[in-house]
C-alpha cells in the first residue's frame, strides 16, 4: 500500500485547507482511513477517522465542528477538510490506512500544515 498526502501549506488563522490522501496498492474499500497529526515536541495524535464504507466517522474533541473527514472510494482518496484553522492546528499531518480485518496499517509521508499570520 502506498499513501501520498497533499494539500498542506501555510494559512492564516481562520482559514481553510483540504488535505488529500491518495491510496494505491490494494483494495481501498477494505481500509478504514485516519488522519493523525504531530506538532513539534508533541506526541502524534489521532485527528479523525472514517470507516471503510464511509458510514462512520470520529473526531478528536479539539477539531469537532471544524474538520471533516471524507472518502471517495471511486477515486481511492481520503480527504480532510479543515476550516476555522487555529495556530494550535500547526503540525505535520499523516494519513493512515487500516485493514478492516487484519488491522495491518500503513502510513503516508506526511504533509506540513502551518497556521500563522
N, C-alpha and C. Protein backbone atom coordinates (compact mmCIF):
# COMPACT_ATOMS: atom_id res chain seq x y z
N UNK A 1 0.85 -1.19 0.00
CA UNK A 1 0.00 0.00 0.00
C UNK A 1 0.89 1.25 0.00
N UNK A 2 0.52 2.18 -0.83
CA UNK A 2 1.22 3.48 -0.83
C UNK A 2 0.20 4.58 -0.57
N UNK A 3 0.56 5.49 0.34
CA UNK A 3 -0.29 6.61 0.67
C UNK A 3 0.49 7.89 0.39
N UNK A 4 -0.12 8.81 -0.34
CA UNK A 4 0.54 10.06 -0.68
C UNK A 4 -0.37 11.22 -0.29
N UNK A 5 0.09 12.00 0.69
CA UNK A 5 -0.68 13.16 1.14
C UNK A 5 -0.34 14.39 0.31
N UNK A 6 -1.29 15.27 0.19
CA UNK A 6 -1.07 16.55 -0.45
C UNK A 6 -2.05 17.57 0.12
N UNK A 7 -1.80 18.85 -0.18
CA UNK A 7 -2.73 19.89 0.23
C UNK A 7 -2.29 20.73 1.42
N UNK A 8 -1.18 20.37 2.04
CA UNK A 8 -0.70 21.16 3.15
C UNK A 8 -0.15 22.50 2.70
N UNK A 9 0.16 23.36 3.68
CA UNK A 9 0.73 24.65 3.35
C UNK A 9 0.59 25.64 4.48
N UNK A 10 0.80 26.90 4.15
CA UNK A 10 0.70 27.99 5.12
C UNK A 10 -0.65 28.69 4.95
N UNK A 11 -1.36 28.87 6.05
CA UNK A 11 -2.66 29.51 6.00
C UNK A 11 -2.80 30.41 7.22
N UNK A 12 -3.56 31.47 7.09
CA UNK A 12 -3.79 32.38 8.20
C UNK A 12 -4.82 31.81 9.16
N UNK A 13 -4.78 32.22 10.41
CA UNK A 13 -5.82 31.78 11.35
C UNK A 13 -7.21 32.11 10.82
N UNK A 14 -8.11 31.17 10.98
CA UNK A 14 -9.46 31.31 10.45
C UNK A 14 -9.64 30.79 9.05
N UNK A 15 -8.53 30.46 8.40
CA UNK A 15 -8.59 29.97 7.03
C UNK A 15 -8.91 28.49 6.93
N UNK A 16 -8.86 27.99 5.70
CA UNK A 16 -9.21 26.61 5.42
C UNK A 16 -8.17 25.95 4.53
N UNK A 17 -8.07 24.65 4.68
CA UNK A 17 -7.25 23.81 3.80
C UNK A 17 -7.96 22.48 3.62
N UNK A 18 -7.71 21.83 2.50
CA UNK A 18 -8.21 20.47 2.32
C UNK A 18 -7.02 19.57 2.00
N UNK A 19 -6.82 18.60 2.86
CA UNK A 19 -5.78 17.60 2.64
C UNK A 19 -6.35 16.42 1.87
N UNK A 20 -5.52 15.85 1.01
CA UNK A 20 -5.90 14.65 0.27
C UNK A 20 -4.91 13.54 0.55
N UNK A 21 -5.39 12.32 0.52
CA UNK A 21 -4.55 11.13 0.71
C UNK A 21 -4.89 10.15 -0.41
N UNK A 22 -3.97 10.02 -1.35
CA UNK A 22 -4.17 9.09 -2.47
C UNK A 22 -3.65 7.71 -2.09
N UNK A 23 -4.50 6.71 -2.24
CA UNK A 23 -4.22 5.33 -1.83
C UNK A 23 -4.00 4.48 -3.06
N UNK A 24 -2.98 3.62 -3.01
CA UNK A 24 -2.75 2.68 -4.11
C UNK A 24 -2.14 1.39 -3.57
N UNK A 25 -2.34 0.32 -4.32
CA UNK A 25 -1.70 -0.95 -3.99
C UNK A 25 -2.64 -2.09 -3.69
N UNK A 26 -3.73 -1.83 -2.96
CA UNK A 26 -4.71 -2.86 -2.64
C UNK A 26 -6.10 -2.28 -2.80
N UNK A 27 -7.10 -3.00 -2.31
CA UNK A 27 -8.48 -2.56 -2.45
C UNK A 27 -8.80 -1.50 -1.38
N UNK A 28 -8.96 -0.28 -1.83
CA UNK A 28 -9.22 0.84 -0.92
C UNK A 28 -10.46 0.59 -0.08
N UNK A 29 -11.44 -0.10 -0.63
CA UNK A 29 -12.70 -0.34 0.07
C UNK A 29 -12.54 -1.19 1.33
N UNK A 30 -11.41 -1.83 1.49
CA UNK A 30 -11.18 -2.70 2.66
C UNK A 30 -10.46 -1.99 3.80
N UNK A 31 -10.23 -0.70 3.63
CA UNK A 31 -9.42 0.02 4.61
C UNK A 31 -10.18 1.18 5.23
N UNK A 32 -10.16 1.23 6.57
CA UNK A 32 -10.55 2.45 7.24
C UNK A 32 -9.41 3.46 7.10
N UNK A 33 -9.76 4.72 7.08
CA UNK A 33 -8.76 5.76 6.90
C UNK A 33 -8.74 6.71 8.09
N UNK A 34 -7.54 7.14 8.44
CA UNK A 34 -7.38 8.03 9.58
C UNK A 34 -6.42 9.15 9.23
N UNK A 35 -6.62 10.27 9.87
CA UNK A 35 -5.66 11.37 9.82
C UNK A 35 -5.10 11.58 11.23
N UNK A 36 -3.79 11.62 11.32
CA UNK A 36 -3.09 11.95 12.54
C UNK A 36 -2.32 13.25 12.32
N UNK A 37 -1.89 13.83 13.42
CA UNK A 37 -1.00 14.97 13.31
C UNK A 37 0.04 14.93 14.44
N UNK A 38 1.17 15.57 14.17
CA UNK A 38 2.22 15.64 15.17
C UNK A 38 2.85 17.02 15.13
N UNK A 39 2.72 17.73 16.23
CA UNK A 39 3.32 19.04 16.37
C UNK A 39 4.71 18.88 16.98
N UNK A 40 5.59 19.86 16.77
CA UNK A 40 6.95 19.76 17.31
C UNK A 40 6.94 19.54 18.82
N UNK A 41 7.68 18.53 19.27
CA UNK A 41 7.78 18.25 20.69
C UNK A 41 6.59 17.56 21.30
N UNK A 42 5.62 17.17 20.47
CA UNK A 42 4.41 16.53 20.98
C UNK A 42 4.23 15.15 20.37
N UNK A 43 3.43 14.34 21.03
CA UNK A 43 3.14 13.00 20.51
C UNK A 43 2.18 13.09 19.33
N UNK A 44 2.25 12.07 18.49
CA UNK A 44 1.31 12.00 17.36
C UNK A 44 -0.08 11.75 17.92
N UNK A 45 -1.08 12.46 17.41
CA UNK A 45 -2.44 12.30 17.89
C UNK A 45 -3.40 12.02 16.74
N UNK A 46 -4.42 11.24 17.04
CA UNK A 46 -5.47 10.93 16.08
C UNK A 46 -6.40 12.13 15.95
N UNK A 47 -6.61 12.57 14.74
CA UNK A 47 -7.45 13.73 14.47
C UNK A 47 -8.84 13.31 14.02
N UNK A 48 -8.91 12.38 13.06
CA UNK A 48 -10.19 11.98 12.51
C UNK A 48 -10.06 10.59 11.90
N UNK A 49 -11.19 9.88 11.86
CA UNK A 49 -11.20 8.53 11.30
C UNK A 49 -12.50 8.33 10.55
N UNK A 50 -12.44 7.49 9.51
CA UNK A 50 -13.63 7.14 8.74
C UNK A 50 -13.57 5.66 8.42
N UNK A 51 -14.72 5.01 8.49
CA UNK A 51 -14.78 3.57 8.24
C UNK A 51 -14.59 3.27 6.76
N UNK A 52 -14.42 1.99 6.46
CA UNK A 52 -14.11 1.60 5.09
C UNK A 52 -15.23 1.96 4.11
N UNK A 53 -16.48 1.93 4.59
CA UNK A 53 -17.60 2.28 3.71
C UNK A 53 -18.03 3.74 3.84
N UNK A 54 -17.33 4.48 4.69
CA UNK A 54 -17.66 5.90 4.86
C UNK A 54 -18.84 6.16 5.75
N UNK A 55 -19.42 5.12 6.32
CA UNK A 55 -20.63 5.29 7.11
C UNK A 55 -20.43 5.76 8.53
N UNK A 56 -19.21 5.72 9.01
CA UNK A 56 -18.92 6.10 10.39
C UNK A 56 -17.69 6.99 10.43
N UNK A 57 -17.79 8.07 11.21
CA UNK A 57 -16.65 8.97 11.38
C UNK A 57 -16.47 9.29 12.86
N UNK A 58 -15.24 9.63 13.21
CA UNK A 58 -14.93 10.04 14.56
C UNK A 58 -13.90 11.16 14.52
N UNK A 59 -13.97 12.03 15.53
CA UNK A 59 -13.09 13.19 15.56
C UNK A 59 -12.53 13.41 16.96
N UNK A 60 -11.33 13.95 16.99
CA UNK A 60 -10.80 14.43 18.26
C UNK A 60 -11.62 15.63 18.72
N UNK A 61 -11.78 15.78 20.02
CA UNK A 61 -12.58 16.89 20.55
C UNK A 61 -12.06 18.24 20.06
N UNK A 62 -10.76 18.33 19.89
CA UNK A 62 -10.14 19.61 19.52
C UNK A 62 -10.50 20.08 18.12
N UNK A 63 -11.02 19.17 17.28
CA UNK A 63 -11.32 19.55 15.89
C UNK A 63 -12.80 19.38 15.55
N UNK A 64 -13.60 18.86 16.46
CA UNK A 64 -15.02 18.66 16.17
C UNK A 64 -15.68 19.98 15.78
N UNK A 65 -16.47 19.90 14.72
CA UNK A 65 -17.16 21.10 14.23
C UNK A 65 -16.34 21.94 13.29
N UNK A 66 -15.03 21.64 13.18
CA UNK A 66 -14.16 22.42 12.29
C UNK A 66 -13.59 21.56 11.16
N UNK A 67 -13.31 20.30 11.44
CA UNK A 67 -12.71 19.40 10.46
C UNK A 67 -13.75 18.37 10.00
N UNK A 68 -13.63 17.96 8.75
CA UNK A 68 -14.50 16.92 8.22
C UNK A 68 -13.66 15.93 7.44
N UNK A 69 -13.77 14.66 7.81
CA UNK A 69 -13.09 13.60 7.07
C UNK A 69 -14.09 12.98 6.09
N UNK A 70 -13.60 12.63 4.92
CA UNK A 70 -14.46 12.01 3.91
C UNK A 70 -13.59 11.11 3.03
N UNK A 71 -14.26 10.36 2.19
CA UNK A 71 -13.54 9.50 1.26
C UNK A 71 -14.34 9.34 -0.02
N UNK A 72 -13.62 9.12 -1.10
CA UNK A 72 -14.23 8.83 -2.40
C UNK A 72 -13.66 7.50 -2.85
N UNK A 73 -14.42 6.44 -2.66
CA UNK A 73 -13.92 5.10 -2.98
C UNK A 73 -13.70 4.90 -4.47
N UNK A 74 -14.37 5.68 -5.30
CA UNK A 74 -14.16 5.58 -6.74
C UNK A 74 -12.80 6.18 -7.14
N UNK A 75 -12.31 7.11 -6.33
CA UNK A 75 -11.03 7.75 -6.63
C UNK A 75 -9.90 7.26 -5.73
N UNK A 76 -10.22 6.31 -4.83
CA UNK A 76 -9.20 5.78 -3.90
C UNK A 76 -8.51 6.91 -3.12
N UNK A 77 -9.31 7.83 -2.66
CA UNK A 77 -8.76 9.01 -1.99
C UNK A 77 -9.56 9.35 -0.74
N UNK A 78 -8.84 9.71 0.30
CA UNK A 78 -9.45 10.23 1.52
C UNK A 78 -9.11 11.71 1.65
N UNK A 79 -9.97 12.43 2.35
CA UNK A 79 -9.81 13.88 2.47
C UNK A 79 -9.95 14.31 3.92
N UNK A 80 -9.36 15.45 4.21
CA UNK A 80 -9.60 16.10 5.49
C UNK A 80 -9.81 17.58 5.20
N UNK A 81 -11.05 18.01 5.31
CA UNK A 81 -11.38 19.42 5.14
C UNK A 81 -11.20 20.11 6.50
N UNK A 82 -10.38 21.13 6.53
CA UNK A 82 -10.07 21.82 7.77
C UNK A 82 -10.50 23.28 7.65
N UNK A 83 -11.45 23.67 8.48
CA UNK A 83 -11.96 25.04 8.49
C UNK A 83 -11.65 25.70 9.83
N UNK A 84 -11.77 27.00 9.86
CA UNK A 84 -11.54 27.78 11.09
C UNK A 84 -10.23 27.38 11.75
N UNK A 85 -9.19 27.33 10.97
CA UNK A 85 -7.91 26.85 11.48
C UNK A 85 -7.34 27.78 12.53
N UNK A 86 -6.66 27.16 13.50
CA UNK A 86 -6.05 27.87 14.61
C UNK A 86 -4.55 27.60 14.62
N UNK A 87 -3.81 28.44 15.31
CA UNK A 87 -2.37 28.24 15.36
C UNK A 87 -2.02 26.88 15.96
N UNK A 88 -2.84 26.40 16.88
CA UNK A 88 -2.56 25.11 17.51
C UNK A 88 -2.82 23.92 16.58
N UNK A 89 -3.36 24.18 15.40
CA UNK A 89 -3.52 23.11 14.40
C UNK A 89 -2.22 22.90 13.61
N UNK A 90 -1.25 23.76 13.82
CA UNK A 90 0.03 23.61 13.13
C UNK A 90 0.69 22.29 13.49
N UNK A 91 1.01 21.51 12.47
CA UNK A 91 1.58 20.18 12.69
C UNK A 91 1.87 19.54 11.34
N UNK A 92 2.56 18.41 11.38
CA UNK A 92 2.65 17.55 10.22
C UNK A 92 1.45 16.60 10.29
N UNK A 93 0.70 16.52 9.21
CA UNK A 93 -0.49 15.67 9.15
C UNK A 93 -0.17 14.42 8.35
N UNK A 94 -0.54 13.28 8.94
CA UNK A 94 -0.24 11.98 8.35
C UNK A 94 -1.53 11.23 8.04
N UNK A 95 -1.55 10.59 6.90
CA UNK A 95 -2.63 9.71 6.52
C UNK A 95 -2.27 8.28 6.94
N UNK A 96 -3.27 7.55 7.41
CA UNK A 96 -3.07 6.17 7.86
C UNK A 96 -4.22 5.31 7.35
N UNK A 97 -3.87 4.14 6.83
CA UNK A 97 -4.87 3.19 6.34
C UNK A 97 -4.83 1.92 7.19
N UNK A 98 -5.98 1.45 7.64
CA UNK A 98 -6.07 0.26 8.49
C UNK A 98 -7.00 -0.76 7.85
N UNK A 99 -6.49 -1.97 7.60
CA UNK A 99 -7.33 -3.02 7.02
C UNK A 99 -8.41 -3.42 8.02
N UNK A 100 -9.66 -3.51 7.56
CA UNK A 100 -10.77 -3.74 8.47
C UNK A 100 -10.69 -5.09 9.16
N UNK A 101 -9.99 -6.08 8.56
CA UNK A 101 -9.93 -7.41 9.15
C UNK A 101 -8.63 -7.68 9.88
N UNK A 102 -7.51 -7.53 9.20
CA UNK A 102 -6.21 -7.86 9.77
C UNK A 102 -5.66 -6.76 10.69
N UNK A 103 -6.19 -5.54 10.56
CA UNK A 103 -5.74 -4.35 11.31
C UNK A 103 -4.31 -3.94 10.94
N UNK A 104 -3.76 -4.53 9.88
CA UNK A 104 -2.47 -4.06 9.38
C UNK A 104 -2.65 -2.63 8.89
N UNK A 105 -1.71 -1.78 9.24
CA UNK A 105 -1.87 -0.39 8.84
C UNK A 105 -0.64 0.16 8.13
N UNK A 106 -0.85 1.21 7.38
CA UNK A 106 0.17 1.85 6.55
C UNK A 106 0.12 3.36 6.76
N UNK A 107 1.28 3.99 6.57
CA UNK A 107 1.41 5.43 6.78
C UNK A 107 1.88 6.15 5.54
N UNK A 108 1.39 7.38 5.38
CA UNK A 108 1.94 8.26 4.38
C UNK A 108 3.16 9.00 4.91
N UNK A 109 3.72 9.85 4.08
CA UNK A 109 4.96 10.53 4.45
C UNK A 109 4.71 11.81 5.24
N UNK A 110 3.47 12.28 5.25
CA UNK A 110 3.12 13.48 5.98
C UNK A 110 3.13 14.74 5.13
N UNK A 111 2.32 15.70 5.53
CA UNK A 111 2.28 17.00 4.87
C UNK A 111 2.18 18.08 5.94
N UNK A 112 2.97 19.13 5.78
CA UNK A 112 3.06 20.17 6.78
C UNK A 112 1.90 21.15 6.65
N UNK A 113 1.26 21.44 7.77
CA UNK A 113 0.24 22.48 7.85
C UNK A 113 0.72 23.51 8.86
N UNK A 114 0.82 24.75 8.42
CA UNK A 114 1.24 25.84 9.30
C UNK A 114 0.17 26.91 9.30
N UNK A 115 -0.31 27.23 10.49
CA UNK A 115 -1.34 28.25 10.65
C UNK A 115 -0.70 29.44 11.36
N UNK A 116 -0.53 30.51 10.62
CA UNK A 116 0.18 31.67 11.16
C UNK A 116 -0.18 32.92 10.39
N UNK A 117 -0.19 34.03 11.08
CA UNK A 117 -0.44 35.31 10.41
C UNK A 117 0.88 35.96 10.00
